Protein backbone atom coordinates (compact mmCIF):
# COMPACT_ATOMS: atom_id res chain seq x y z
CA MET A 1 88.74 188.62 35.72
CA GLN A 2 86.38 185.61 35.20
CA LYS A 3 85.66 186.78 31.72
CA ARG A 4 89.25 187.07 30.85
CA ALA A 5 89.94 183.59 32.20
CA LYS A 6 87.17 182.18 30.06
CA ALA A 7 88.54 183.89 27.06
CA THR A 8 92.03 182.53 27.70
CA ARG A 9 90.62 178.98 28.21
CA ARG A 10 88.69 179.13 24.98
CA SER A 11 91.62 180.33 22.94
CA LEU A 12 93.75 177.49 24.28
CA LEU A 13 91.03 174.99 23.57
CA GLU A 14 90.63 176.24 19.93
CA ALA A 15 94.48 176.31 19.33
CA ALA A 16 94.77 172.79 20.74
CA ALA A 17 91.85 171.71 18.56
CA GLN A 18 93.34 173.18 15.18
CA LEU A 19 96.66 171.36 16.09
CA PHE A 20 95.08 167.95 16.98
CA ALA A 21 93.05 168.14 13.78
CA GLU A 22 96.08 168.84 11.76
CA GLN A 23 98.80 166.81 13.56
CA GLY A 24 97.13 164.38 15.67
CA TYR A 25 97.62 163.90 19.48
CA ALA A 26 100.99 162.48 19.46
CA GLY A 27 102.43 165.06 17.09
CA THR A 28 101.13 167.99 19.24
CA SER A 29 103.06 169.25 22.23
CA VAL A 30 102.00 171.62 25.05
CA ASN A 31 104.62 174.10 23.52
CA ASP A 32 102.86 173.77 20.07
CA ILE A 33 99.55 174.68 21.87
CA SER A 34 101.26 177.55 23.69
CA ALA A 35 102.68 178.96 20.42
CA ARG A 36 99.60 178.67 18.37
CA SER A 37 97.52 180.42 21.05
CA GLY A 38 100.04 183.10 21.86
CA ARG A 39 99.74 182.04 25.49
CA THR A 40 102.46 180.70 27.82
CA SER A 41 102.91 176.95 28.56
CA GLY A 42 102.06 177.99 32.17
CA ALA A 43 98.64 179.11 31.12
CA VAL A 44 97.97 175.70 29.43
CA TYR A 45 98.80 173.91 32.56
CA PHE A 46 96.93 176.41 34.63
CA HIS A 47 93.57 175.87 32.69
CA TYR A 48 93.90 172.24 31.69
CA ALA A 49 96.57 170.53 33.88
CA SER A 50 98.00 168.36 31.08
CA LYS A 51 97.93 167.64 27.50
CA GLU A 52 95.39 164.78 28.25
CA GLY A 53 93.14 167.36 29.99
CA ILE A 54 93.07 169.63 27.04
CA ALA A 55 92.41 166.64 24.75
CA LEU A 56 89.43 165.60 26.91
CA ALA A 57 88.14 169.05 26.88
CA VAL A 58 88.22 169.27 23.10
CA VAL A 59 86.39 166.11 22.77
CA ARG A 60 83.63 167.03 25.27
CA ASP A 61 83.25 170.57 23.79
CA ARG A 62 81.58 169.40 20.35
CA PHE A 63 82.11 165.78 19.41
CA ALA A 64 80.80 164.12 22.52
CA THR A 65 78.00 166.56 23.41
CA TRP A 66 76.65 167.77 19.97
CA PRO A 67 75.18 171.03 21.32
CA GLN A 68 73.54 171.71 17.94
CA LEU A 69 71.43 168.58 18.28
CA THR A 70 68.85 169.83 20.85
CA PRO A 71 67.25 172.68 19.03
CA ALA A 72 67.56 171.09 15.65
CA TYR A 73 65.75 167.85 16.38
CA ALA A 74 63.08 169.30 18.69
CA ASP A 75 61.10 170.99 15.99
CA ARG A 76 58.12 168.91 15.72
CA ALA A 77 56.70 171.14 12.77
CA VAL A 78 59.15 169.25 10.63
CA PRO A 79 58.55 165.36 10.05
CA PRO A 80 60.89 163.33 12.10
CA VAL A 81 62.76 161.54 9.33
CA GLU A 82 63.40 164.89 7.59
CA ARG A 83 64.90 166.14 10.88
CA LEU A 84 67.00 163.09 11.09
CA VAL A 85 68.39 163.54 7.59
CA ALA A 86 69.00 167.31 8.36
CA LEU A 87 70.81 166.54 11.41
CA SER A 88 73.06 164.09 9.60
CA TYR A 89 73.98 166.90 7.13
CA ASP A 90 74.67 169.37 9.91
CA ILE A 91 77.04 166.85 11.68
CA ALA A 92 78.70 165.99 8.38
CA ARG A 93 79.38 169.68 7.73
CA ALA A 94 80.88 169.99 11.26
CA LEU A 95 83.06 167.11 10.67
CA ALA A 96 84.30 168.50 7.66
CA GLU A 97 84.67 172.13 8.39
CA ASP A 98 84.61 172.85 12.22
CA PRO A 99 88.17 172.53 13.78
CA VAL A 100 86.93 171.56 17.18
CA THR A 101 84.52 168.89 15.95
CA ARG A 102 87.25 167.59 13.59
CA ALA A 103 89.77 167.46 16.37
CA GLY A 104 87.45 165.54 18.60
CA ALA A 105 86.92 162.86 15.89
CA ARG A 106 90.54 162.48 15.32
CA LEU A 107 91.35 162.29 19.01
CA TRP A 108 88.64 159.63 19.38
CA ALA A 109 90.18 157.69 16.61
CA GLU A 110 93.62 158.03 18.30
CA ARG A 111 92.21 157.31 21.82
CA ALA A 112 94.50 154.25 22.49
CA VAL A 113 97.47 156.63 22.88
CA ILE A 114 95.71 159.19 25.15
CA ASP A 115 96.06 158.53 28.83
CA ALA A 116 92.53 159.74 29.75
CA PRO A 117 89.14 158.18 29.37
CA LEU A 118 87.43 159.89 26.52
CA PRO A 119 83.53 160.09 26.66
CA ASP A 120 81.50 158.09 24.17
CA PRO A 121 81.01 160.57 21.36
CA PHE A 122 78.01 158.73 19.82
CA ALA A 123 75.68 158.43 22.67
CA LEU A 124 73.76 161.62 22.33
CA TRP A 125 73.53 161.30 18.52
CA THR A 126 72.25 157.80 18.82
CA ALA A 127 69.72 158.77 21.42
CA ALA A 128 68.50 161.61 19.17
CA ALA A 129 68.28 159.35 16.23
CA THR A 130 66.37 156.72 18.45
CA ARG A 131 63.73 159.38 19.51
CA LEU A 132 63.18 160.55 15.96
CA LEU A 133 62.62 157.05 14.70
CA ALA A 134 60.37 156.31 17.48
CA GLU A 135 58.46 159.48 16.63
CA ALA A 136 58.36 158.43 13.02
CA ARG A 137 57.36 154.93 13.67
CA LEU A 138 54.27 156.09 15.81
CA ALA A 139 53.22 158.52 12.93
CA GLY A 140 53.48 155.63 10.37
CA GLN A 141 56.41 157.42 8.55
CA VAL A 142 58.66 154.48 8.75
CA ALA A 143 57.87 150.72 8.46
CA ALA A 144 56.49 148.89 11.44
CA HIS A 145 59.52 146.43 11.43
CA VAL A 146 61.87 149.35 12.05
CA ARG A 147 63.19 149.09 15.76
CA PRO A 148 64.25 152.51 16.59
CA ALA A 149 67.00 151.82 18.95
CA ALA A 150 68.75 149.09 16.94
CA THR A 151 68.09 151.06 13.69
CA ALA A 152 69.49 154.23 15.23
CA ARG A 153 72.78 152.33 16.30
CA ALA A 154 73.29 150.84 12.85
CA LEU A 155 72.64 154.27 11.18
CA VAL A 156 75.04 156.25 13.37
CA ARG A 157 77.91 153.73 13.08
CA ALA A 158 77.39 153.56 9.26
CA PHE A 159 77.24 157.32 9.00
CA PHE A 160 80.47 157.93 10.94
CA GLY A 161 82.09 155.19 8.99
CA LEU A 162 80.97 156.73 5.69
CA CYS A 163 82.34 160.26 6.82
CA SER A 164 85.65 158.77 7.92
CA LEU A 165 86.35 156.81 4.95
CA THR A 166 85.06 159.38 2.46
CA GLU A 167 87.49 161.89 3.87
CA ALA A 168 90.28 159.54 3.96
CA LEU A 169 89.69 158.44 0.41
CA GLU A 170 88.36 161.52 -1.28
CA GLY A 171 88.70 164.61 0.87
CA ALA A 172 86.25 166.26 3.34
CA ALA A 173 84.72 168.43 0.36
CA THR A 174 82.90 165.32 -0.99
CA VAL A 175 81.43 164.11 2.36
CA THR A 176 77.88 165.66 1.78
CA ASP A 177 77.79 164.31 -1.66
CA ARG A 178 78.40 160.69 -0.44
CA LEU A 179 76.05 161.24 2.29
CA THR A 180 73.29 162.11 -0.27
CA ASP A 181 74.23 158.72 -2.04
CA TRP A 182 73.97 156.95 1.19
CA TRP A 183 70.51 158.23 2.20
CA GLN A 184 69.14 157.50 -1.23
CA LEU A 185 70.21 153.82 -0.65
CA THR A 186 68.98 153.76 2.93
CA LEU A 187 65.78 155.66 3.10
CA PRO A 188 63.79 153.29 1.04
CA SER A 189 64.56 150.47 3.42
CA LEU A 190 63.07 152.55 6.33
CA ARG A 191 59.84 153.65 4.62
CA PRO A 192 56.56 151.75 4.87
CA ALA A 193 55.51 149.84 1.77
CA PRO A 194 52.91 151.62 -0.36
CA GLY A 195 49.52 150.99 1.11
CA ALA A 196 50.80 149.63 4.44
CA HIS A 197 48.80 150.49 7.45
CA ARG A 198 50.20 150.53 11.19
CA PRO A 199 49.24 147.65 13.27
CA PRO A 200 46.24 148.42 15.59
CA GLY A 201 47.34 150.01 18.87
CA GLU A 202 50.44 151.46 17.36
């Protein structure tokens, strides 16, 4: 029974995510979610209590937790800056292709009309970027002036702005191309100057 309940809950969440991504929060009703999932409206209310509840669950499922981050950025066999860049492409692809991630991003953008406190979707990604930049700085792979926390905040905000504007202006299919352009511009400002040495004790 528990397995069946989990399957029902998941099917409702995925149906809601598809609709939120396509139509937005205000344009989606509980009846729409019921029809898309093939479940009753009663099932929606049983598992999520309200439309706000299912919107919150959608944001938490991917966009606010980034479950793919942990294994990807922990592989120390790969240089930290390379891991940071690879993570950005993974997230960009999810924002372009994964319905639950796309829905989370749209719901966050529409949070003013949702009567529920949505979690900060950028905290884990910023923390991961901070750790990678700190690791890179200790290894001398980024310039000594790079402050990991401040740089991570700037990179994450610029990254999400790039993804949002690119999709709005050109479509999701071009996001990874524009991300390549952005990294080609950004990476040289992070790298140490040729011949530079780390200060003693760092």
